């Protein structure tokens, strides 16, 4: 362990969430509650089912239905929903009588519960399938991009991946083709580059579609903090934006770098590495997940705890 990363808690929780807001979901004694970023218990474990705090609210099950509480454990939106998702950009998808709709953070319906499938909004649009074709719905429940695609992802930084005739490309929020559907596979743009497969060759392209890196690796992942994971002889390592292998292929699985650290696994055990490939902890974990807002989670013998990345001015 370095001076920049330290244990925030011992592994004392049955389940944990991630910090999407000021509070994080935890489970103890088969009940859910919430801690803050100092690991102080803010809402004692009391709920049979609950979700993460986001936009100042969290979905919890009260009786037989879900509602929403604030960080003071006050009920802000009455428990009337069969299912309730976490808020994203101040909207949440809910289900009543097996139909999905969308509410704002006051609990008012923006989209009445008339949809058969769950709605996932990103950049104020939701990708939705209708009669085997995909399109996009706005916050009024109207089609703004007609369902004409074989596949459509959520929007990310103003672009969505679409599929046509087993090829993939990109559209903008008006539905116009941004990059033609010529790729065998495609990922979202990250740090100005997207991982795609073109003519059975894995490459990184820029937003003009220009090939920036043409690689011989069997799998490539998106860039995060200047490094991208690539598969090297059935193991994973990391390259930089020049395509140079910075951390040799030696891991069974990897996650992207967050807060200057990445989670990797060898022999079924997990650890954190820095950007030089050095292990952070002497003893590995049974499981671990990436940092979110300077806090990561780890598992020891079936119980979860929190790790903190310290920041210095």
Protein backbone atom coordinates (compact mmCIF):
# COMPACT_ATOMS: atom_id res chain seq x y z
CA UNK A 1 0.00 0.00 0.00
CA UNK A 2 1.25 3.51 -0.86
CA UNK A 3 0.74 6.85 0.82
CA UNK A 4 -1.76 7.71 -1.93
CA UNK A 5 -4.14 4.82 -1.33
CA UNK A 6 -5.40 3.41 1.96
CA UNK A 7 -8.14 1.31 3.52
CA UNK A 8 -11.23 3.32 4.38
CA UNK A 9 -13.02 0.39 6.06
CA UNK A 10 -12.39 -3.21 6.92
CA UNK A 11 -14.40 -5.80 4.92
CA UNK A 12 -17.54 -5.66 7.09
CA UNK A 13 -20.35 -5.33 4.53
CA UNK A 14 -22.36 -8.05 2.80
CA UNK A 15 -22.88 -5.85 -0.26
CA UNK A 16 -21.73 -2.40 -1.36
CA UNK A 17 -22.56 0.05 -4.11
CA UNK A 18 -20.50 2.85 -5.60
CA UNK A 19 -20.38 6.53 -4.74
CA UNK A 20 -22.57 8.17 -7.37
CA UNK A 21 -23.47 10.88 -4.84
CA UNK A 22 -22.44 11.84 -1.31
CA UNK A 23 -23.77 8.57 0.14
CA UNK A 24 -23.11 4.95 -0.79
CA UNK A 25 -25.30 1.87 -0.47
CA UNK A 26 -24.17 -0.86 1.97
CA UNK A 27 -25.73 -4.04 3.34
CA UNK A 28 -25.35 -5.38 6.87
CA UNK A 29 -27.36 -8.05 8.64
CA UNK A 30 -29.39 -8.51 5.47
CA UNK A 31 -30.59 -4.87 5.47
CA UNK A 32 -29.55 -1.90 3.34
CA UNK A 33 -28.36 1.47 4.61
CA UNK A 34 -25.96 4.23 3.55
CA UNK A 35 -22.53 5.55 4.56
CA UNK A 36 -20.78 8.80 3.67
CA UNK A 37 -17.29 9.23 2.23
CA UNK A 38 -15.77 9.07 5.70
CA UNK A 39 -17.44 5.67 6.19
CA UNK A 40 -19.78 7.08 8.84
CA UNK A 41 -23.19 5.39 8.92
CA UNK A 42 -25.69 8.08 7.85
CA UNK A 43 -28.77 5.90 7.35
CA UNK A 44 -28.77 2.76 9.47
CA UNK A 45 -29.41 -0.53 7.60
CA UNK A 46 -33.19 -0.91 7.60
CA UNK A 47 -34.40 -1.53 4.04
CA UNK A 48 -35.00 -4.94 2.49
CA UNK A 49 -34.27 -3.55 -0.99
CA UNK A 50 -32.60 -0.30 -2.00
CA UNK A 51 -30.60 1.40 -4.73
CA UNK A 52 -27.81 3.94 -4.95
CA UNK A 53 -28.10 7.63 -4.16
CA UNK A 54 -27.94 9.86 -7.22
CA UNK A 55 -29.12 13.42 -7.71
CA UNK A 56 -29.81 13.51 -3.96
CA UNK A 57 -32.34 10.65 -3.97
CA UNK A 58 -32.27 6.87 -3.58
CA UNK A 59 -34.93 4.24 -4.40
CA UNK A 60 -35.95 2.08 -1.41
CA UNK A 61 -38.62 -0.52 -0.86
CA UNK A 62 -41.17 0.51 1.77
CA UNK A 63 -43.76 -2.17 2.36
CA UNK A 64 -44.53 -3.74 -1.00
CA UNK A 65 -43.57 -0.81 -3.25
CA UNK A 66 -40.64 1.45 -4.04
CA UNK A 67 -40.34 5.15 -3.32
CA UNK A 68 -37.45 7.59 -2.91
CA UNK A 69 -35.69 8.99 0.14
CA UNK A 70 -33.25 11.87 0.59
CA UNK A 71 -30.01 11.84 2.57
CA UNK A 72 -31.95 12.61 5.77
CA UNK A 73 -33.99 9.44 5.24
CA UNK A 74 -37.13 11.46 4.55
CA UNK A 75 -39.57 10.01 2.02
CA UNK A 76 -39.56 12.49 -0.87
CA UNK A 77 -41.47 10.45 -3.44
CA UNK A 78 -44.20 8.14 -2.16
CA UNK A 79 -43.74 4.37 -2.49
CA UNK A 80 -46.12 3.58 -5.34
CA UNK A 81 -43.81 1.87 -7.84
CA UNK A 82 -43.27 -1.83 -8.58
CA UNK A 83 -39.69 -1.07 -9.62
CA UNK A 84 -37.72 2.17 -9.34
CA UNK A 85 -34.31 2.92 -10.85
CA UNK A 86 -31.67 5.38 -9.70
CA UNK A 87 -31.88 8.95 -10.93
CA UNK A 88 -29.67 10.06 -13.81
CA UNK A 89 -29.69 13.73 -14.79
CA UNK A 90 -32.68 14.24 -12.47
CA UNK A 91 -34.90 11.63 -14.16
CA UNK A 92 -35.63 8.00 -13.27
CA UNK A 93 -37.40 5.09 -14.92
CA UNK A 94 -40.16 3.47 -12.85
CA UNK A 95 -42.65 0.65 -13.35
CA UNK A 96 -46.32 0.52 -12.37
CA UNK A 97 -48.60 -2.40 -13.29
CA UNK A 98 -45.86 -3.89 -15.50
CA UNK A 99 -45.55 -0.71 -17.57
CA UNK A 100 -42.57 1.66 -17.56
CA UNK A 101 -42.55 5.43 -17.42
CA UNK A 102 -40.19 8.24 -16.45
CA UNK A 103 -40.45 10.66 -13.51
CA UNK A 104 -38.57 13.82 -12.52
CA UNK A 105 -37.07 14.39 -9.08
CA UNK A 106 -40.40 15.75 -7.82
CA UNK A 107 -42.06 12.44 -8.62
CA UNK A 108 -44.07 13.85 -11.53
CA UNK A 109 -44.39 11.77 -14.66
CA UNK A 110 -42.55 13.12 -17.69
CA UNK A 111 -43.50 9.98 -19.61
CA UNK A 112 -46.61 8.12 -18.52
CA UNK A 113 -46.14 4.39 -17.73
CA UNK A 114 -47.18 3.08 -21.15
CA UNK A 115 -44.00 1.29 -22.25
CA UNK A 116 -43.46 -2.47 -22.12
CA UNK A 117 -39.67 -2.27 -21.75
CA UNK A 118 -37.49 -0.18 -19.46
CA UNK A 119 -36.27 3.18 -20.76
CA UNK A 120 -32.58 4.07 -20.40
CA UNK A 121 -31.98 7.77 -20.97
CA UNK A 122 -28.65 9.33 -21.81
CA UNK A 123 -28.17 12.83 -23.20
CA UNK A 124 -31.99 13.23 -22.85
CA UNK A 125 -32.70 10.41 -25.33
CA UNK A 126 -33.51 6.73 -24.74
CA UNK A 127 -32.67 3.90 -27.12
CA UNK A 128 -35.77 1.74 -27.52
CA UNK A 129 -36.69 -1.36 -29.50
CA UNK A 130 -39.98 -1.56 -31.38
CA UNK A 131 -40.87 -4.53 -33.60
CA UNK A 132 -37.22 -5.70 -33.77
CA UNK A 133 -35.93 -2.25 -34.79
CA UNK A 134 -34.23 0.37 -32.63
CA UNK A 135 -34.75 4.11 -32.46
CA UNK A 136 -34.74 6.91 -29.88
CA UNK A 137 -37.43 8.46 -27.68
CA UNK A 138 -37.33 11.92 -26.08
CA UNK A 139 -38.50 12.97 -22.62
CA UNK A 140 -42.03 13.45 -23.91
CA UNK A 141 -42.21 9.83 -24.99
CA UNK A 142 -42.09 10.70 -28.69
CA UNK A 143 -39.94 9.13 -31.36
CA UNK A 144 -37.28 11.64 -32.37
CA UNK A 145 -35.20 9.11 -34.30
CA UNK A 146 -37.40 6.51 -35.95
CA UNK A 147 -36.82 2.80 -35.18
CA UNK A 148 -34.94 1.80 -38.34
CA UNK A 149 -31.75 0.30 -36.89
CA UNK A 150 -30.94 -3.34 -36.16
CA UNK A 151 -29.16 -2.13 -33.01
CA UNK A 152 -28.72 1.16 -31.17
CA UNK A 153 -26.68 1.95 -28.07
CA UNK A 154 -27.27 4.73 -25.60
CA UNK A 155 -25.84 8.13 -26.50
CA UNK A 156 -22.41 8.93 -25.13
CA UNK A 157 -20.92 12.40 -25.62
CA UNK A 158 -23.44 13.15 -28.34
CA UNK A 159 -22.95 9.97 -30.39
CA UNK A 160 -24.65 6.57 -30.42
CA UNK A 161 -23.51 3.32 -31.99
CA UNK A 162 -25.98 1.88 -34.51
CA UNK A 163 -26.12 -1.45 -36.31
CA UNK A 164 -27.24 -2.07 -39.90
CA UNK A 165 -26.89 -5.40 -41.70
CA UNK A 166 -24.35 -6.73 -39.18
CA UNK A 167 -22.15 -3.64 -39.49
CA UNK A 168 -21.78 -0.78 -37.01
CA UNK A 169 -21.45 2.97 -37.26
CA UNK A 170 -22.33 6.16 -35.40
CA UNK A 171 -25.16 8.69 -35.47
CA UNK A 172 -25.56 12.11 -33.84
CA UNK A 173 -28.54 13.26 -31.76
CA UNK A 174 -30.43 14.43 -34.86
CA UNK A 175 -30.27 10.91 -36.29
CA UNK A 176 -27.81 11.85 -39.01
CA UNK A 177 -25.07 9.37 -39.86
CA UNK A 178 -21.84 10.55 -38.22
CA UNK A 179 -19.71 7.60 -39.39
CA UNK A 180 -21.03 5.04 -41.86
CA UNK A 181 -21.88 1.53 -40.64
CA UNK A 182 -18.77 -0.19 -42.01
CA UNK A 183 -17.26 -1.64 -38.83
CA UNK A 184 -17.42 -5.26 -37.68
CA UNK A 185 -17.67 -3.97 -34.09
CA UNK A 186 -17.52 -0.57 -32.46
CA UNK A 187 -17.18 0.98 -29.02
CA UNK A 188 -17.98 4.47 -27.70
CA UNK A 189 -15.50 7.28 -28.20
CA UNK A 190 -13.32 7.93 -25.16
CA UNK A 191 -10.57 10.54 -24.99
CA UNK A 192 -11.14 11.29 -28.67
CA UNK A 193 -10.68 7.71 -29.89
CA UNK A 194 -12.95 4.70 -30.44
CA UNK A 195 -11.99 1.04 -30.54
CA UNK A 196 -13.39 -0.56 -33.70
CA UNK A 197 -12.84 -3.65 -35.80
CA UNK A 198 -12.52 -2.97 -39.53
CA UNK A 199 -11.97 -5.79 -42.01
CA UNK A 200 -11.10 -8.14 -39.15
CA UNK A 201 -8.45 -5.72 -37.86
CA UNK A 202 -8.68 -4.03 -34.46
CA UNK A 203 -7.98 -0.32 -34.69
CA UNK A 204 -8.53 3.01 -32.97
CA UNK A 205 -10.18 5.76 -35.01
CA UNK A 206 -10.74 9.44 -34.36
CA UNK A 207 -14.07 11.22 -34.81
CA UNK A 208 -13.32 11.79 -38.50
CA UNK A 209 -13.07 8.03 -38.97
CA UNK A 210 -9.33 8.22 -39.57
CA UNK A 211 -7.36 5.20 -38.38
CA UNK A 212 -4.99 6.37 -35.65
CA UNK A 213 -3.68 3.02 -34.43
CA UNK A 214 -3.80 -0.28 -36.31
CA UNK A 215 -3.09 -3.10 -33.90
CA UNK A 216 -2.38 -6.82 -33.92
CA UNK A 217 -4.10 -7.51 -30.60
CA UNK A 218 -7.09 -9.86 -30.55
CA UNK A 219 -9.10 -7.63 -28.18
CA UNK A 220 -8.79 -3.92 -27.43
CA UNK A 221 -10.66 -1.78 -24.91
CA UNK A 222 -11.32 1.96 -24.78
CA UNK A 223 -8.75 4.45 -23.52
CA UNK A 224 -9.03 5.71 -19.97
CA UNK A 225 -6.52 8.09 -18.42
CA UNK A 226 -4.28 7.67 -21.46
CA UNK A 227 -4.07 3.87 -21.38
CA UNK A 228 -6.10 1.13 -23.07
CA UNK A 229 -6.25 -2.56 -22.16
CA UNK A 230 -5.27 -5.01 -24.93
CA UNK A 231 -5.10 -8.80 -25.03
CA UNK A 232 -1.59 -10.20 -25.44
CA UNK A 233 -1.30 -13.99 -25.95
CA UNK A 234 -4.47 -14.69 -23.94
CA UNK A 235 -3.45 -12.22 -21.23
CA UNK A 236 -4.14 -8.52 -20.78
CA UNK A 237 -1.79 -5.55 -20.69
CA UNK A 238 -2.02 -1.82 -21.42
CA UNK A 239 -0.88 0.38 -24.31
CA UNK A 240 -0.51 4.16 -24.57
CA UNK A 241 -1.90 6.36 -27.36
CA UNK A 242 1.20 5.74 -29.46
CA UNK A 243 0.38 2.02 -29.43
CA UNK A 244 3.37 1.16 -27.25
CA UNK A 245 2.88 -1.63 -24.73
CA UNK A 246 3.39 0.10 -21.37
CA UNK A 247 2.34 -2.74 -19.07
CA UNK A 248 3.06 -6.24 -20.37
CA UNK A 249 0.31 -8.79 -20.91
CA UNK A 250 0.18 -10.78 -17.68
CA UNK A 251 -3.34 -10.44 -16.27
CA UNK A 252 -6.38 -12.70 -16.61
CA UNK A 253 -8.79 -9.76 -16.45
CA UNK A 254 -8.48 -5.98 -16.22
CA UNK A 255 -10.55 -2.86 -15.66
CA UNK A 256 -9.85 0.66 -16.97
CA UNK A 257 -7.61 3.03 -15.05
CA UNK A 258 -9.50 5.32 -12.66
CA UNK A 259 -7.81 7.74 -10.24
CA UNK A 260 -4.45 6.47 -11.63
CA UNK A 261 -5.14 2.86 -10.58
CA UNK A 262 -6.58 -0.20 -12.32
CA UNK A 263 -8.03 -3.45 -10.99
CA UNK A 264 -6.38 -6.57 -12.43
CA UNK A 265 -6.59 -10.28 -11.65
CA UNK A 266 -4.16 -13.19 -11.71
CA UNK A 267 -4.86 -16.72 -10.50
CA UNK A 268 -8.42 -15.69 -9.71
CA UNK A 269 -7.33 -13.01 -7.21
CA UNK A 270 -7.56 -9.23 -7.59
CA UNK A 271 -5.27 -6.31 -6.89
CA UNK A 272 -4.73 -2.69 -7.86
CA UNK A 273 -1.82 -1.58 -10.03
CA UNK A 274 -0.39 1.86 -10.80
CA UNK A 275 0.55 3.07 -14.27
CA UNK A 276 3.95 1.41 -14.00
CA UNK A 277 2.30 -1.96 -13.42
CA UNK A 278 3.35 -2.15 -9.77
CA UNK A 279 0.98 -3.88 -7.36
CA UNK A 280 -0.42 -1.64 -4.63
CA UNK A 281 -1.33 -4.23 -2.00
CA UNK A 282 0.88 -7.07 -0.75
CA UNK A 283 -2.09 -9.40 -0.33
CA UNK A 284 -4.63 -9.69 -3.16
CA UNK A 285 -8.41 -9.68 -2.77
CA UNK A 286 -11.17 -12.09 -3.74
CA UNK A 287 -12.73 -9.32 -5.81
CA UNK A 288 -12.40 -5.58 -6.38
CA UNK A 289 -13.92 -2.76 -8.44
CA UNK A 290 -12.56 0.47 -9.88
CA UNK A 291 -12.41 3.83 -8.16
CA UNK A 292 -15.40 6.13 -8.37
CA UNK A 293 -14.94 9.60 -6.94
CA UNK A 294 -11.69 8.52 -5.21
CA UNK A 295 -13.24 5.46 -3.52
CA UNK A 296 -13.02 1.81 -4.61
CA UNK A 297 -14.40 -1.43 -3.20
CA UNK A 298 -12.73 -4.75 -2.38
CA UNK A 299 -13.85 -8.18 -1.20
CA UNK A 300 -12.14 -10.41 1.34
CA UNK A 301 -13.62 -13.86 1.96
CA UNK A 302 -17.11 -12.81 0.92
CA UNK A 303 -17.28 -9.45 2.72
CA UNK A 304 -16.81 -6.01 1.20
CA UNK A 305 -14.88 -2.94 2.26
CA UNK A 306 -13.79 0.42 0.88
CA UNK A 307 -10.44 1.82 -0.25
CA UNK A 308 -9.69 5.53 -0.58
CA UNK A 309 -7.35 7.28 -3.00
CA UNK A 310 -5.93 10.24 -1.11
CA UNK A 311 -5.52 13.50 -3.01
CA UNK A 312 -2.88 16.08 -2.27
CA UNK A 313 -2.69 19.71 -3.34
